[in-house]
Amino acid sequence: MTDIINKNGLKEPYNEQKLRNSIKNAIKEAGEDTNRRKPLIDKIMGEIDNYSQNKETIKAEDLRNIVLNNFENEWVGDQVPMARVWRNYELLHKIIYNEKLD
């Protein structure tokens, strides 16, 4: 079983449903229909499954980056509502990550 290392360094078992629900919540808050966005949700979860395969631990930050990269790739231009919702949640809960800029 894979464990997640949270930002605070604590480990917890990876919970696929918890992550899936977080992704769905961001999509809903961005005004999107989760049923219409099911292919995106499945794509994200597939990438996470591939990434976490054969790993005992993974960083929550790595999962976050997979989610945000997929959200950001959904829109061209300045409007990135799902990514914005995700980041606003992090700000609200004082979850700070160093952004990797290309």
C-alpha atoms as a PDB file:
ATOM      1  CA  MET A   1       0.000   0.000   0.000  1.00  0.00           C
ATOM      2  CA  THR A   2       1.250   3.461  -0.894  1.00  0.00           C
ATOM      3  CA  ASP A   3       1.482   6.175   1.744  1.00  0.00           C
ATOM      4  CA  ILE A   4       1.171   9.899   1.128  1.00  0.00           C
ATOM      5  CA  ILE A   5       3.668  12.237   2.754  1.00  0.00           C
ATOM      6  CA  ASN A   6       1.731  15.419   3.502  1.00  0.00           C
ATOM      7  CA  LYS A   7       3.182  18.925   3.463  1.00  0.00           C
ATOM      8  CA  ASN A   8       3.652  18.703   7.252  1.00  0.00           C
ATOM      9  CA  GLY A   9       5.693  15.497   6.851  1.00  0.00           C
ATOM     10  CA  LEU A  10       3.049  13.181   8.276  1.00  0.00           C
ATOM     11  CA  LYS A  11       2.227   9.966   6.446  1.00  0.00           C
ATOM     12  CA  GLU A  12      -1.236   8.660   5.761  1.00  0.00           C
ATOM     13  CA  PRO A  13      -2.487   5.847   3.533  1.00  0.00           C
ATOM     14  CA  TYR A  14      -3.285   6.907  -0.009  1.00  0.00           C
ATOM     15  CA  ASN A  15      -7.041   7.268  -0.355  1.00  0.00           C
ATOM     16  CA  GLU A  16      -8.068   7.314  -4.006  1.00  0.00           C
ATOM     17  CA  GLN A  17     -11.664   8.278  -3.211  1.00  0.00           C
ATOM     18  CA  LYS A  18     -10.566  11.250  -1.086  1.00  0.00           C
ATOM     19  CA  LEU A  19      -8.460  12.590  -3.948  1.00  0.00           C
ATOM     20  CA  ARG A  20     -11.187  11.906  -6.514  1.00  0.00           C
ATOM     21  CA  ASN A  21     -13.666  13.827  -4.325  1.00  0.00           C
ATOM     22  CA  SER A  22     -11.244  16.768  -4.033  1.00  0.00           C
ATOM     23  CA  ILE A  23     -10.909  16.893  -7.805  1.00  0.00           C
ATOM     24  CA  LYS A  24     -14.701  16.727  -8.253  1.00  0.00           C
ATOM     25  CA  ASN A  25     -15.197  19.502  -5.688  1.00  0.00           C
ATOM     26  CA  ALA A  26     -12.783  21.789  -7.531  1.00  0.00           C
ATOM     27  CA  ILE A  27     -14.586  21.083 -10.797  1.00  0.00           C
ATOM     28  CA  LYS A  28     -17.993  21.819  -9.222  1.00  0.00           C
ATOM     29  CA  GLU A  29     -16.762  25.040  -7.609  1.00  0.00           C
ATOM     30  CA  ALA A  30     -15.439  26.148 -10.980  1.00  0.00           C
ATOM     31  CA  GLY A  31     -18.984  25.851 -12.331  1.00  0.00           C
ATOM     32  CA  GLU A  32     -18.318  22.716 -14.352  1.00  0.00           C
ATOM     33  CA  ASP A  33     -20.377  19.534 -14.516  1.00  0.00           C
ATOM     34  CA  THR A  34     -18.468  16.581 -13.014  1.00  0.00           C
ATOM     35  CA  ASN A  35     -20.264  14.131 -15.301  1.00  0.00           C
ATOM     36  CA  ARG A  36     -19.127  16.074 -18.351  1.00  0.00           C
ATOM     37  CA  ARG A  37     -15.612  16.228 -16.892  1.00  0.00           C
ATOM     38  CA  LYS A  38     -15.441  12.491 -16.105  1.00  0.00           C
ATOM     39  CA  PRO A  39     -12.839  11.897 -18.866  1.00  0.00           C
ATOM     40  CA  LEU A  40     -10.602  14.534 -17.236  1.00  0.00           C
ATOM     41  CA  ILE A  41     -11.100  13.014 -13.786  1.00  0.00           C
ATOM     42  CA  ASP A  42     -10.281   9.549 -15.133  1.00  0.00           C
ATOM     43  CA  LYS A  43      -7.199  10.909 -16.930  1.00  0.00           C
ATOM     44  CA  ILE A  44      -5.904  12.542 -13.748  1.00  0.00           C
ATOM     45  CA  MET A  45      -6.531   9.436 -11.663  1.00  0.00           C
ATOM     46  CA  GLY A  46      -4.827   7.286 -14.316  1.00  0.00           C
ATOM     47  CA  GLU A  47      -1.740   9.497 -14.285  1.00  0.00           C
ATOM     48  CA  ILE A  48      -1.654   9.304 -10.491  1.00  0.00           C
ATOM     49  CA  ASP A  49      -2.013   5.522 -10.589  1.00  0.00           C
ATOM     50  CA  ASN A  50       0.875   5.289 -13.065  1.00  0.00           C
ATOM     51  CA  TYR A  51       2.992   7.675 -11.010  1.00  0.00           C
ATOM     52  CA  SER A  52       2.402   5.861  -7.714  1.00  0.00           C
ATOM     53  CA  GLN A  53       2.889   2.331  -9.046  1.00  0.00           C
ATOM     54  CA  ASN A  54       5.499   0.368  -7.088  1.00  0.00           C
ATOM     55  CA  LYS A  55       6.197   3.279  -4.723  1.00  0.00           C
ATOM     56  CA  GLU A  56       5.898   2.899  -0.983  1.00  0.00           C
ATOM     57  CA  THR A  57       5.533   6.645  -0.449  1.00  0.00           C
ATOM     58  CA  ILE A  58       4.654   9.622  -2.602  1.00  0.00           C
ATOM     59  CA  LYS A  59       4.541  13.311  -1.785  1.00  0.00           C
ATOM     60  CA  ALA A  60       1.204  15.087  -1.664  1.00  0.00           C
ATOM     61  CA  GLU A  61       2.910  17.874  -3.607  1.00  0.00           C
ATOM     62  CA  ASP A  62       3.560  15.509  -6.523  1.00  0.00           C
ATOM     63  CA  LEU A  63      -0.112  14.519  -6.650  1.00  0.00           C
ATOM     64  CA  ARG A  64      -1.085  18.177  -6.466  1.00  0.00           C
ATOM     65  CA  ASN A  65       1.162  18.999  -9.411  1.00  0.00           C
ATOM     66  CA  ILE A  66      -0.404  16.248 -11.531  1.00  0.00           C
ATOM     67  CA  VAL A  67      -3.883  17.592 -10.740  1.00  0.00           C
ATOM     68  CA  LEU A  68      -2.978  21.229 -11.415  1.00  0.00           C
ATOM     69  CA  ASN A  69      -1.122  20.461 -14.644  1.00  0.00           C
ATOM     70  CA  ASN A  70      -4.200  18.695 -15.965  1.00  0.00           C
ATOM     71  CA  PHE A  71      -6.520  21.483 -14.828  1.00  0.00           C
ATOM     72  CA  GLU A  72      -4.315  24.130 -16.430  1.00  0.00           C
ATOM     73  CA  ASN A  73      -4.093  22.221 -19.708  1.00  0.00           C
ATOM     74  CA  GLU A  74      -7.882  22.373 -20.036  1.00  0.00           C
ATOM     75  CA  TRP A  75      -7.929  26.101 -20.852  1.00  0.00           C
ATOM     76  CA  VAL A  76      -6.013  28.431 -23.100  1.00  0.00           C
ATOM     77  CA  GLY A  77      -5.546  31.997 -21.942  1.00  0.00           C
ATOM     78  CA  ASP A  78      -6.032  33.573 -18.551  1.00  0.00           C
ATOM     79  CA  GLN A  79      -9.112  31.640 -17.474  1.00  0.00           C
ATOM     80  CA  VAL A  80      -8.126  28.571 -15.456  1.00  0.00           C
ATOM     81  CA  PRO A  81     -11.100  28.177 -13.120  1.00  0.00           C
ATOM     82  CA  MET A  82     -10.469  24.660 -11.770  1.00  0.00           C
ATOM     83  CA  ALA A  83      -6.813  25.382 -11.040  1.00  0.00           C
ATOM     84  CA  ARG A  84      -7.819  28.672  -9.414  1.00  0.00           C
ATOM     85  CA  VAL A  85     -10.336  26.905  -7.160  1.00  0.00           C
ATOM     86  CA  TRP A  86      -7.677  24.356  -6.163  1.00  0.00           C
ATOM     87  CA  ARG A  87      -5.166  27.098  -5.327  1.00  0.00           C
ATOM     88  CA  ASN A  88      -7.772  29.152  -3.438  1.00  0.00           C
ATOM     89  CA  TYR A  89      -8.473  26.112  -1.238  1.00  0.00           C
ATOM     90  CA  GLU A  90      -4.748  25.855  -0.506  1.00  0.00           C
ATOM     91  CA  LEU A  91      -4.583  29.548   0.371  1.00  0.00           C
ATOM     92  CA  LEU A  92      -7.636  29.310   2.603  1.00  0.00           C
ATOM     93  CA  HIS A  93      -6.083  26.415   4.512  1.00  0.00           C
ATOM     94  CA  LYS A  94      -2.573  27.915   4.464  1.00  0.00           C
ATOM     95  CA  ILE A  95      -1.163  25.054   2.395  1.00  0.00           C
ATOM     96  CA  ILE A  96       1.890  26.534   0.706  1.00  0.00           C
ATOM     97  CA  TYR A  97       3.909  24.834  -2.023  1.00  0.00           C
ATOM     98  CA  ASN A  98       6.800  26.216  -4.000  1.00  0.00           C
ATOM     99  CA  GLU A  99       5.557  26.610  -7.552  1.00  0.00           C
ATOM    100  CA  LYS A 100       7.904  25.235 -10.187  1.00  0.00           C
ATOM    101  CA  LEU A 101       7.941  27.684 -13.051  1.00  0.00           C
ATOM    102  CA  ASP A 102       9.141  26.665 -16.508  1.00  0.00           C
END
